[in-house]
Amino acid sequence: MPTAPAERHSWTEGDDLVALYMSRHGVARLPMMQAGIANRLGMSETSLIMRQHNFGHLDNGTGLSHVAAQTRRIHRHYRNATEAELRPLALRVLNAPKSP
């Protein structure tokens, strides 16, 4: 069951890239499952799921419609990106050293 983090997460553009990739392509080609990705990014799994639903809304009108400006910006920039283009960006975010 997803748990809430101790404090509110400040979303980065990298976090949004990972959520965009996951909303379109899932986790099969990523090095960890959704819960591990959320933990790695420092957020609750629920928060990550909700952001994926925001991208679903932007892609096809389904999902959560209350979308942050940064998320809209990332979506506009990568709207036509292929899986082969997005995956290395998501992996770079997930493999980056964690901030203290």
PDB file of N, CA and C in Angstrom:
ATOM      1  N   MET A   1       0.844  -1.177   0.000  1.00  0.00           N
ATOM      2  CA  MET A   1       0.000   0.000   0.000  1.00  0.00           C
ATOM      3  C   MET A   1       0.889   1.240   0.000  1.00  0.00           C
ATOM      4  N   PRO A   2       0.630   2.235  -0.876  1.00  0.00           N
ATOM      5  CA  PRO A   2       1.422   3.442  -0.920  1.00  0.00           C
ATOM      6  C   PRO A   2       1.343   4.206   0.395  1.00  0.00           C
ATOM      7  N   THR A   3       2.456   4.823   0.763  1.00  0.00           N
ATOM      8  CA  THR A   3       2.488   5.614   1.981  1.00  0.00           C
ATOM      9  C   THR A   3       2.829   7.054   1.641  1.00  0.00           C
ATOM     10  N   ALA A   4       2.407   7.969   2.500  1.00  0.00           N
ATOM     11  CA  ALA A   4       2.676   9.384   2.283  1.00  0.00           C
ATOM     12  C   ALA A   4       4.062   9.733   2.816  1.00  0.00           C
ATOM     13  N   PRO A   5       4.792  10.610   2.137  1.00  0.00           N
ATOM     14  CA  PRO A   5       6.101  11.030   2.631  1.00  0.00           C
ATOM     15  C   PRO A   5       5.941  11.951   3.826  1.00  0.00           C
ATOM     16  N   ALA A   6       7.040  12.135   4.565  1.00  0.00           N
ATOM     17  CA  ALA A   6       7.000  12.986   5.746  1.00  0.00           C
ATOM     18  C   ALA A   6       6.757  14.446   5.377  1.00  0.00           C
ATOM     19  N   GLU A   7       7.265  14.885   4.241  1.00  0.00           N
ATOM     20  CA  GLU A   7       7.041  16.260   3.812  1.00  0.00           C
ATOM     21  C   GLU A   7       6.671  16.294   2.341  1.00  0.00           C
ATOM     22  N   ARG A   8       6.142  17.414   1.906  1.00  0.00           N
ATOM     23  CA  ARG A   8       5.697  17.572   0.521  1.00  0.00           C
ATOM     24  C   ARG A   8       6.900  17.565  -0.421  1.00  0.00           C
ATOM     25  N   HIS A   9       6.770  16.857  -1.522  1.00  0.00           N
ATOM     26  CA  HIS A   9       7.830  16.744  -2.514  1.00  0.00           C
ATOM     27  C   HIS A   9       7.781  17.928  -3.478  1.00  0.00           C
ATOM     28  N   SER A  10       8.931  18.510  -3.774  1.00  0.00           N
ATOM     29  CA  SER A  10       9.019  19.561  -4.792  1.00  0.00           C
ATOM     30  C   SER A  10       9.423  18.902  -6.100  1.00  0.00           C
ATOM     31  N   TRP A  11       8.501  18.876  -7.036  1.00  0.00           N
ATOM     32  CA  TRP A  11       8.734  18.195  -8.309  1.00  0.00           C
ATOM     33  C   TRP A  11       9.788  18.911  -9.138  1.00  0.00           C
ATOM     34  N   THR A  12      10.699  18.131  -9.716  1.00  0.00           N
ATOM     35  CA  THR A  12      11.701  18.663 -10.630  1.00  0.00           C
ATOM     36  C   THR A  12      11.291  18.308 -12.056  1.00  0.00           C
ATOM     37  N   GLU A  13      11.946  18.926 -13.023  1.00  0.00           N
ATOM     38  CA  GLU A  13      11.683  18.567 -14.412  1.00  0.00           C
ATOM     39  C   GLU A  13      12.051  17.103 -14.658  1.00  0.00           C
ATOM     40  N   GLY A  14      13.112  16.634 -14.006  1.00  0.00           N
ATOM     41  CA  GLY A  14      13.507  15.232 -14.133  1.00  0.00           C
ATOM     42  C   GLY A  14      12.429  14.292 -13.618  1.00  0.00           C
ATOM     43  N   ASP A  15      11.832  14.638 -12.483  1.00  0.00           N
ATOM     44  CA  ASP A  15      10.732  13.830 -11.950  1.00  0.00           C
ATOM     45  C   ASP A  15       9.598  13.742 -12.969  1.00  0.00           C
ATOM     46  N   ASP A  16       9.293  14.888 -13.581  1.00  0.00           N
ATOM     47  CA  ASP A  16       8.234  14.902 -14.590  1.00  0.00           C
ATOM     48  C   ASP A  16       8.607  14.059 -15.807  1.00  0.00           C
ATOM     49  N   LEU A  17       9.862  14.074 -16.211  1.00  0.00           N
ATOM     50  CA  LEU A  17      10.294  13.235 -17.336  1.00  0.00           C
ATOM     51  C   LEU A  17      10.068  11.760 -17.038  1.00  0.00           C
ATOM     52  N   VAL A  18      10.413  11.359 -15.815  1.00  0.00           N
ATOM     53  CA  VAL A  18      10.207   9.961 -15.427  1.00  0.00           C
ATOM     54  C   VAL A  18       8.716   9.631 -15.428  1.00  0.00           C
ATOM     55  N   ALA A  19       7.901  10.511 -14.863  1.00  0.00           N
ATOM     56  CA  ALA A  19       6.454  10.276 -14.827  1.00  0.00           C
ATOM     57  C   ALA A  19       5.863  10.230 -16.241  1.00  0.00           C
ATOM     58  N   LEU A  20       6.345  11.085 -17.132  1.00  0.00           N
ATOM     59  CA  LEU A  20       5.883  11.062 -18.522  1.00  0.00           C
ATOM     60  C   LEU A  20       6.239   9.739 -19.169  1.00  0.00           C
ATOM     61  N   TYR A  21       7.483   9.311 -18.999  1.00  0.00           N
ATOM     62  CA  TYR A  21       7.896   8.025 -19.569  1.00  0.00           C
ATOM     63  C   TYR A  21       7.003   6.898 -19.045  1.00  0.00           C
ATOM     64  N   MET A  22       6.803   6.863 -17.721  1.00  0.00           N
ATOM     65  CA  MET A  22       6.005   5.800 -17.117  1.00  0.00           C
ATOM     66  C   MET A  22       4.551   5.849 -17.571  1.00  0.00           C
ATOM     67  N   SER A  23       4.011   7.041 -17.758  1.00  0.00           N
ATOM     68  CA  SER A  23       2.605   7.133 -18.178  1.00  0.00           C
ATOM     69  C   SER A  23       2.413   6.572 -19.578  1.00  0.00           C
ATOM     70  N   ARG A  24       3.436   6.689 -20.400  1.00  0.00           N
ATOM     71  CA  ARG A  24       3.327   6.209 -21.776  1.00  0.00           C
ATOM     72  C   ARG A  24       3.847   4.790 -21.975  1.00  0.00           C
ATOM     73  N   HIS A  25       4.864   4.395 -21.210  1.00  0.00           N
ATOM     74  CA  HIS A  25       5.570   3.148 -21.509  1.00  0.00           C
ATOM     75  C   HIS A  25       5.690   2.190 -20.332  1.00  0.00           C
ATOM     76  N   GLY A  26       5.186   2.556 -19.162  1.00  0.00           N
ATOM     77  CA  GLY A  26       5.264   1.668 -18.013  1.00  0.00           C
ATOM     78  C   GLY A  26       6.669   1.572 -17.440  1.00  0.00           C
ATOM     79  N   VAL A  27       6.926   0.481 -16.707  1.00  0.00           N
ATOM     80  CA  VAL A  27       8.216   0.330 -16.027  1.00  0.00           C
ATOM     81  C   VAL A  27       9.025  -0.861 -16.523  1.00  0.00           C
ATOM     82  N   ALA A  28       8.514  -1.602 -17.485  1.00  0.00           N
ATOM     83  CA  ALA A  28       9.175  -2.838 -17.918  1.00  0.00           C
ATOM     84  C   ALA A  28      10.625  -2.624 -18.345  1.00  0.00           C
ATOM     85  N   ARG A  29      10.927  -1.475 -18.932  1.00  0.00           N
ATOM     86  CA  ARG A  29      12.284  -1.216 -19.416  1.00  0.00           C
ATOM     87  C   ARG A  29      13.060  -0.278 -18.493  1.00  0.00           C
ATOM     88  N   LEU A  30      12.575  -0.116 -17.273  1.00  0.00           N
ATOM     89  CA  LEU A  30      13.269   0.678 -16.264  1.00  0.00           C
ATOM     90  C   LEU A  30      13.872  -0.256 -15.233  1.00  0.00           C
ATOM     91  N   PRO A  31      14.886   0.203 -14.484  1.00  0.00           N
ATOM     92  CA  PRO A  31      15.608  -0.694 -13.571  1.00  0.00           C
ATOM     93  C   PRO A  31      14.895  -1.030 -12.270  1.00  0.00           C
ATOM     94  N   MET A  32      13.714  -0.480 -12.045  1.00  0.00           N
ATOM     95  CA  MET A  32      12.975  -0.770 -10.815  1.00  0.00           C
ATOM     96  C   MET A  32      11.484  -0.606 -11.068  1.00  0.00           C
ATOM     97  N   MET A  33      10.716  -1.092 -10.120  1.00  0.00           N
ATOM     98  CA  MET A  33       9.265  -0.994 -10.217  1.00  0.00           C
ATOM     99  C   MET A  33       8.808   0.379  -9.721  1.00  0.00           C
ATOM    100  N   GLN A  34       7.522   0.639  -9.854  1.00  0.00           N
ATOM    101  CA  GLN A  34       6.969   1.950  -9.526  1.00  0.00           C
ATOM    102  C   GLN A  34       7.276   2.398  -8.093  1.00  0.00           C
ATOM    103  N   ALA A  35       7.122   1.515  -7.116  1.00  0.00           N
ATOM    104  CA  ALA A  35       7.379   1.887  -5.723  1.00  0.00           C
ATOM    105  C   ALA A  35       8.840   2.264  -5.525  1.00  0.00           C
ATOM    106  N   GLY A  36       9.746   1.537  -6.150  1.00  0.00           N
ATOM    107  CA  GLY A  36      11.168   1.851  -6.052  1.00  0.00           C
ATOM    108  C   GLY A  36      11.501   3.171  -6.718  1.00  0.00           C
ATOM    109  N   ILE A  37      10.856   3.458  -7.831  1.00  0.00           N
ATOM    110  CA  ILE A  37      11.072   4.728  -8.526  1.00  0.00           C
ATOM    111  C   ILE A  37      10.591   5.883  -7.657  1.00  0.00           C
ATOM    112  N   ALA A  38       9.401   5.750  -7.087  1.00  0.00           N
ATOM    113  CA  ALA A  38       8.878   6.800  -6.204  1.00  0.00           C
ATOM    114  C   ALA A  38       9.832   7.038  -5.042  1.00  0.00           C
ATOM    115  N   ASN A  39      10.314   5.966  -4.436  1.00  0.00           N
ATOM    116  CA  ASN A  39      11.248   6.083  -3.329  1.00  0.00           C
ATOM    117  C   ASN A  39      12.535   6.770  -3.787  1.00  0.00           C
ATOM    118  N   ARG A  40      13.044   6.361  -4.920  1.00  0.00           N
ATOM    119  CA  ARG A  40      14.279   6.950  -5.466  1.00  0.00           C
ATOM    120  C   ARG A  40      14.123   8.450  -5.701  1.00  0.00           C
ATOM    121  N   LEU A  41      12.941   8.872  -6.163  1.00  0.00           N
ATOM    122  CA  LEU A  41      12.685  10.281  -6.433  1.00  0.00           C
ATOM    123  C   LEU A  41      12.272  11.061  -5.188  1.00  0.00           C
ATOM    124  N   GLY A  42      12.042  10.355  -4.084  1.00  0.00           N
ATOM    125  CA  GLY A  42      11.719  11.019  -2.817  1.00  0.00           C
ATOM    126  C   GLY A  42      10.275  11.450  -2.679  1.00  0.00           C
ATOM    127  N   MET A  43       9.370  10.658  -3.240  1.00  0.00           N
ATOM    128  CA  MET A  43       7.947  10.993  -3.175  1.00  0.00           C
ATOM    129  C   MET A  43       7.147   9.738  -2.848  1.00  0.00           C
ATOM    130  N   SER A  44       5.880   9.921  -2.557  1.00  0.00           N
ATOM    131  CA  SER A  44       5.022   8.762  -2.340  1.00  0.00           C
ATOM    132  C   SER A  44       4.682   8.133  -3.693  1.00  0.00           C
ATOM    133  N   GLU A  45       4.369   6.864  -3.650  1.00  0.00           N
ATOM    134  CA  GLU A  45       3.941   6.184  -4.863  1.00  0.00           C
ATOM    135  C   GLU A  45       2.652   6.806  -5.397  1.00  0.00           C
ATOM    136  N   THR A  46       1.779   7.219  -4.494  1.00  0.00           N
ATOM    137  CA  THR A  46       0.524   7.857  -4.886  1.00  0.00           C
ATOM    138  C   THR A  46       0.775   9.143  -5.663  1.00  0.00           C
ATOM    139  N   SER A  47       1.738   9.928  -5.209  1.00  0.00           N
ATOM    140  CA  SER A  47       2.074  11.165  -5.900  1.00  0.00           C
ATOM    141  C   SER A  47       2.565  10.887  -7.315  1.00  0.00           C
ATOM    142  N   LEU A  48       3.400   9.875  -7.464  1.00  0.00           N
ATOM    143  CA  LEU A  48       3.911   9.500  -8.783  1.00  0.00           C
ATOM    144  C   LEU A  48       2.780   9.022  -9.694  1.00  0.00           C
ATOM    145  N   ILE A  49       1.881   8.240  -9.151  1.00  0.00           N
ATOM    146  CA  ILE A  49       0.726   7.756  -9.924  1.00  0.00           C
ATOM    147  C   ILE A  49      -0.135   8.930 -10.386  1.00  0.00           C
ATOM    148  N   MET A  50      -0.364   9.877  -9.491  1.00  0.00           N
ATOM    149  CA  MET A  50      -1.195  11.028  -9.853  1.00  0.00           C
ATOM    150  C   MET A  50      -0.549  11.833 -10.981  1.00  0.00           C
ATOM    151  N   ARG A  51       0.775  11.998 -10.938  1.00  0.00           N
ATOM    152  CA  ARG A  51       1.449  12.754 -11.997  1.00  0.00           C
ATOM    153  C   ARG A  51       1.346  12.010 -13.323  1.00  0.00           C
ATOM    154  N   GLN A  52       1.416  10.691 -13.280  1.00  0.00           N
ATOM    155  CA  GLN A  52       1.228   9.914 -14.509  1.00  0.00           C
ATOM    156  C   GLN A  52      -0.163  10.154 -15.078  1.00  0.00           C
ATOM    157  N   HIS A  53      -1.151  10.256 -14.199  1.00  0.00           N
ATOM    158  CA  HIS A  53      -2.527  10.533 -14.645  1.00  0.00           C
ATOM    159  C   HIS A  53      -2.648  11.941 -15.218  1.00  0.00           C
ATOM    160  N   ASN A  54      -1.849  12.889 -14.702  1.00  0.00           N
ATOM    161  CA  ASN A  54      -1.824  14.223 -15.312  1.00  0.00           C
ATOM    162  C   ASN A  54      -1.336  14.133 -16.750  1.00  0.00           C
ATOM    163  N   PHE A  55      -0.292  13.350 -16.987  1.00  0.00           N
ATOM    164  CA  PHE A  55       0.208  13.194 -18.353  1.00  0.00           C
ATOM    165  C   PHE A  55      -0.812  12.457 -19.221  1.00  0.00           C
ATOM    166  N   GLY A  56      -1.539  11.520 -18.634  1.00  0.00           N
ATOM    167  CA  GLY A  56      -2.609  10.855 -19.378  1.00  0.00           C
ATOM    168  C   GLY A  56      -3.651  11.850 -19.836  1.00  0.00           C
ATOM    169  N   HIS A  57      -3.973  12.788 -18.966  1.00  0.00           N
ATOM    170  CA  HIS A  57      -4.943  13.835 -19.346  1.00  0.00           C
ATOM    171  C   HIS A  57      -4.398  14.668 -20.502  1.00  0.00           C
ATOM    172  N   LEU A  58      -3.131  15.053 -20.434  1.00  0.00           N
ATOM    173  CA  LEU A  58      -2.546  15.880 -21.490  1.00  0.00           C
ATOM    174  C   LEU A  58      -2.414  15.101 -22.805  1.00  0.00           C
ATOM    175  N   ASP A  59      -2.150  13.805 -22.710  1.00  0.00           N
ATOM    176  CA  ASP A  59      -1.987  12.990 -23.920  1.00  0.00           C
ATOM    177  C   ASP A  59      -3.314  12.652 -24.593  1.00  0.00           C
ATOM    178  N   ASN A  60      -4.340  12.322 -23.782  1.00  0.00           N
ATOM    179  CA  ASN A  60      -5.563  11.827 -24.419  1.00  0.00           C
ATOM    180  C   ASN A  60      -6.860  12.236 -23.731  1.00  0.00           C
ATOM    181  N   GLY A  61      -6.780  13.193 -22.814  1.00  0.00           N
ATOM    182  CA  GLY A  61      -7.997  13.703 -22.190  1.00  0.00           C
ATOM    183  C   GLY A  61      -8.544  12.863 -21.060  1.00  0.00           C
ATOM    184  N   THR A  62      -7.860  11.765 -20.702  1.00  0.00           N
ATOM    185  CA  THR A  62      -8.289  10.967 -19.555  1.00  0.00           C
ATOM    186  C   THR A  62      -7.322  11.244 -18.409  1.00  0.00           C
ATOM    187  N   GLY A  63      -7.712  10.934 -17.217  1.00  0.00           N
ATOM    188  CA  GLY A  63      -6.823  11.149 -16.082  1.00  0.00           C
ATOM    189  C   GLY A  63      -7.154  12.416 -15.329  1.00  0.00           C
ATOM    190  N   LEU A  64      -6.186  12.907 -14.595  1.00  0.00           N
ATOM    191  CA  LEU A  64      -6.390  14.059 -13.719  1.00  0.00           C
ATOM    192  C   LEU A  64      -6.125  15.364 -14.468  1.00  0.00           C
ATOM    193  N   SER A  65      -7.086  16.269 -14.420  1.00  0.00           N
ATOM    194  CA  SER A  65      -7.007  17.493 -15.223  1.00  0.00           C
ATOM    195  C   SER A  65      -6.347  18.673 -14.522  1.00  0.00           C
ATOM    196  N   HIS A  66      -6.111  18.606 -13.221  1.00  0.00           N
ATOM    197  CA  HIS A  66      -5.437  19.693 -12.507  1.00  0.00           C
ATOM    198  C   HIS A  66      -3.933  19.490 -12.691  1.00  0.00           C
ATOM    199  N   VAL A  67      -3.347  20.143 -13.714  1.00  0.00           N
ATOM    200  CA  VAL A  67      -1.980  19.880 -14.139  1.00  0.00           C
ATOM    201  C   VAL A  67      -1.098  21.082 -13.855  1.00  0.00           C
ATOM    202  N   ALA A  68       0.049  20.844 -13.226  1.00  0.00           N
ATOM    203  CA  ALA A  68       0.998  21.908 -12.903  1.00  0.00           C
ATOM    204  C   ALA A  68       1.605  22.501 -14.178  1.00  0.00           C
ATOM    205  N   ALA A  69       1.983  23.771 -14.098  1.00  0.00           N
ATOM    206  CA  ALA A  69       2.580  24.465 -15.247  1.00  0.00           C
ATOM    207  C   ALA A  69       3.847  23.752 -15.726  1.00  0.00           C
ATOM    208  N   GLN A  70       4.691  23.315 -14.807  1.00  0.00           N
ATOM    209  CA  GLN A  70       5.916  22.607 -15.199  1.00  0.00           C
ATOM    210  C   GLN A  70       5.591  21.330 -15.960  1.00  0.00           C
ATOM    211  N   THR A  71       4.580  20.611 -15.520  1.00  0.00           N
ATOM    212  CA  THR A  71       4.168  19.379 -16.185  1.00  0.00           C
ATOM    213  C   THR A  71       3.683  19.680 -17.601  1.00  0.00           C
ATOM    214  N   ARG A  72       2.925  20.740 -17.747  1.00  0.00           N
ATOM    215  CA  ARG A  72       2.468  21.147 -19.086  1.00  0.00           C
ATOM    216  C   ARG A  72       3.659  21.498 -19.981  1.00  0.00           C
ATOM    217  N   ARG A  73       4.654  22.178 -19.411  1.00  0.00           N
ATOM    218  CA  ARG A  73       5.851  22.557 -20.166  1.00  0.00           C
ATOM    219  C   ARG A  73       6.627  21.317 -20.626  1.00  0.00           C
ATOM    220  N   ILE A  74       6.824  20.364 -19.732  1.00  0.00           N
ATOM    221  CA  ILE A  74       7.528  19.121 -20.078  1.00  0.00           C
ATOM    222  C   ILE A  74       6.746  18.386 -21.161  1.00  0.00           C
ATOM    223  N   HIS A  75       5.435  18.330 -21.009  1.00  0.00           N
ATOM    224  CA  HIS A  75       4.607  17.647 -21.998  1.00  0.00           C
ATOM    225  C   HIS A  75       4.727  18.309 -23.368  1.00  0.00           C
ATOM    226  N   ARG A  76       4.657  19.621 -23.402  1.00  0.00           N
ATOM    227  CA  ARG A  76       4.793  20.334 -24.686  1.00  0.00           C
ATOM    228  C   ARG A  76       6.144  20.032 -25.334  1.00  0.00           C
ATOM    229  N   HIS A  77       7.201  20.060 -24.529  1.00  0.00           N
ATOM    230  CA  HIS A  77       8.550  19.854 -25.060  1.00  0.00           C
ATOM    231  C   HIS A  77       8.745  18.431 -25.598  1.00  0.00           C
ATOM    232  N   TYR A  78       8.179  17.441 -24.906  1.00  0.00           N
ATOM    233  CA  TYR A  78       8.396  16.028 -25.260  1.00  0.00           C
ATOM    234  C   TYR A  78       7.162  15.363 -25.855  1.00  0.00           C
ATOM    235  N   ARG A  79       6.199  16.144 -26.275  1.00  0.00           N
ATOM    236  CA  ARG A  79       4.926  15.605 -26.770  1.00  0.00           C
ATOM    237  C   ARG A  79       5.106  14.562 -27.873  1.00  0.00           C
ATOM    238  N   ASN A  80       6.073  14.752 -28.752  1.00  0.00           N
ATOM    239  CA  ASN A  80       6.264  13.826 -29.867  1.00  0.00           C
ATOM    240  C   ASN A  80       7.455  12.898 -29.686  1.00  0.00           C
ATOM    241  N   ALA A  81       8.042  12.892 -28.493  1.00  0.00           N
ATOM    242  CA  ALA A  81       9.215  12.049 -28.240  1.00  0.00           C
ATOM    243  C   ALA A  81       8.834  10.575 -28.250  1.00  0.00           C
ATOM    244  N   THR A  82       9.712   9.770 -28.814  1.00  0.00           N
ATOM    245  CA  THR A  82       9.497   8.324 -28.857  1.00  0.00           C
ATOM    246  C   THR A  82       9.991   7.675 -27.572  1.00  0.00           C
ATOM    247  N   GLU A  83       9.656   6.420 -27.389  1.00  0.00           N
ATOM    248  CA  GLU A  83      10.162   5.658 -26.237  1.00  0.00           C
ATOM    249  C   GLU A  83      11.685   5.652 -26.255  1.00  0.00           C
ATOM    250  N   ALA A  84      12.269   5.480 -27.417  1.00  0.00           N
ATOM    251  CA  ALA A  84      13.733   5.448 -27.536  1.00  0.00           C
ATOM    252  C   ALA A  84      14.366   6.790 -27.165  1.00  0.00           C
ATOM    253  N   GLU A  85      13.657   7.868 -27.323  1.00  0.00           N
ATOM    254  CA  GLU A  85      14.169   9.189 -26.936  1.00  0.00           C
ATOM    255  C   GLU A  85      13.944   9.473 -25.451  1.00  0.00           C
ATOM    256  N   LEU A  86      12.806   9.045 -24.916  1.00  0.00           N
ATOM    257  CA  LEU A  86      12.483   9.328 -23.514  1.00  0.00           C
ATOM    258  C   LEU A  86      13.208   8.424 -22.524  1.00  0.00           C
ATOM    259  N   ARG A  87      13.407   7.178 -22.883  1.00  0.00           N
ATOM    260  CA  ARG A  87      13.989   6.225 -21.936  1.00  0.00           C
ATOM    261  C   ARG A  87      15.358   6.662 -21.418  1.00  0.00           C
ATOM    262  N   PRO A  88      16.309   7.070 -22.272  1.00  0.00           N
ATOM    263  CA  PRO A  88      17.609   7.496 -21.738  1.00  0.00           C
ATOM    264  C   PRO A  88      17.497   8.700 -20.796  1.00  0.00           C
ATOM    265  N   LEU A  89      16.546   9.593 -21.057  1.00  0.00           N
ATOM    266  CA  LEU A  89      16.348  10.742 -20.178  1.00  0.00           C
ATOM    267  C   LEU A  89      15.838  10.291 -18.809  1.00  0.00           C
ATOM    268  N   ALA A  90      14.875   9.369 -18.811  1.00  0.00           N
ATOM    269  CA  ALA A  90      14.350   8.840 -17.553  1.00  0.00           C
ATOM    270  C   ALA A  90      15.442   8.092 -16.788  1.00  0.00           C
ATOM    271  N   LEU A  91      16.235   7.299 -17.490  1.00  0.00           N
ATOM    272  CA  LEU A  91      17.313   6.550 -16.833  1.00  0.00           C
ATOM    273  C   LEU A  91      18.357   7.487 -16.236  1.00  0.00           C
ATOM    274  N   ARG A  92      18.659   8.563 -16.928  1.00  0.00           N
ATOM    275  CA  ARG A  92      19.625   9.537 -16.405  1.00  0.00           C
ATOM    276  C   ARG A  92      19.138  10.109 -15.085  1.00  0.00           C
ATOM    277  N   VAL A  93      17.847  10.426 -14.997  1.00  0.00           N
ATOM    278  CA  VAL A  93      17.274  10.946 -13.756  1.00  0.00           C
ATOM    279  C   VAL A  93      17.357   9.896 -12.665  1.00  0.00           C
ATOM    280  N   LEU A  94      16.981   8.653 -12.986  1.00  0.00           N
ATOM    281  CA  LEU A  94      16.956   7.600 -11.976  1.00  0.00           C
ATOM    282  C   LEU A  94      18.348   7.185 -11.527  1.00  0.00           C
ATOM    283  N   ASN A  95      19.345   7.347 -12.379  1.00  0.00           N
ATOM    284  CA  ASN A  95      20.707   6.956 -12.034  1.00  0.00           C
ATOM    285  C   ASN A  95      21.546   8.086 -11.451  1.00  0.00           C
ATOM    286  N   ALA A  96      20.992   9.293 -11.412  1.00  0.00           N
ATOM    287  CA  ALA A  96      21.723  10.436 -10.858  1.00  0.00           C
ATOM    288  C   ALA A  96      21.913  10.250  -9.354  1.00  0.00           C
ATOM    289  N   PRO A  97      23.027  10.723  -8.823  1.00  0.00           N
ATOM    290  CA  PRO A  97      23.230  10.638  -7.363  1.00  0.00           C
ATOM    291  C   PRO A  97      22.112  11.358  -6.635  1.00  0.00           C
ATOM    292  N   LYS A  98      21.677  10.782  -5.535  1.00  0.00           N
ATOM    293  CA  LYS A  98      20.611  11.385  -4.734  1.00  0.00           C
ATOM    294  C   LYS A  98      21.163  12.568  -3.976  1.00  0.00           C
ATOM    295  N   SER A  99      20.358  13.621  -3.886  1.00  0.00           N
ATOM    296  CA  SER A  99      20.736  14.786  -3.089  1.00  0.00           C
ATOM    297  C   SER A  99      20.577  14.453  -1.615  1.00  0.00           C
ATOM    298  N   PRO A 100      21.447  15.019  -0.771  1.00  0.00           N
ATOM    299  CA  PRO A 100      21.335  14.735   0.678  1.00  0.00           C
ATOM    300  C   PRO A 100      20.096  15.307   1.296  1.00  0.00           C
TER     301      PRO A 100
END
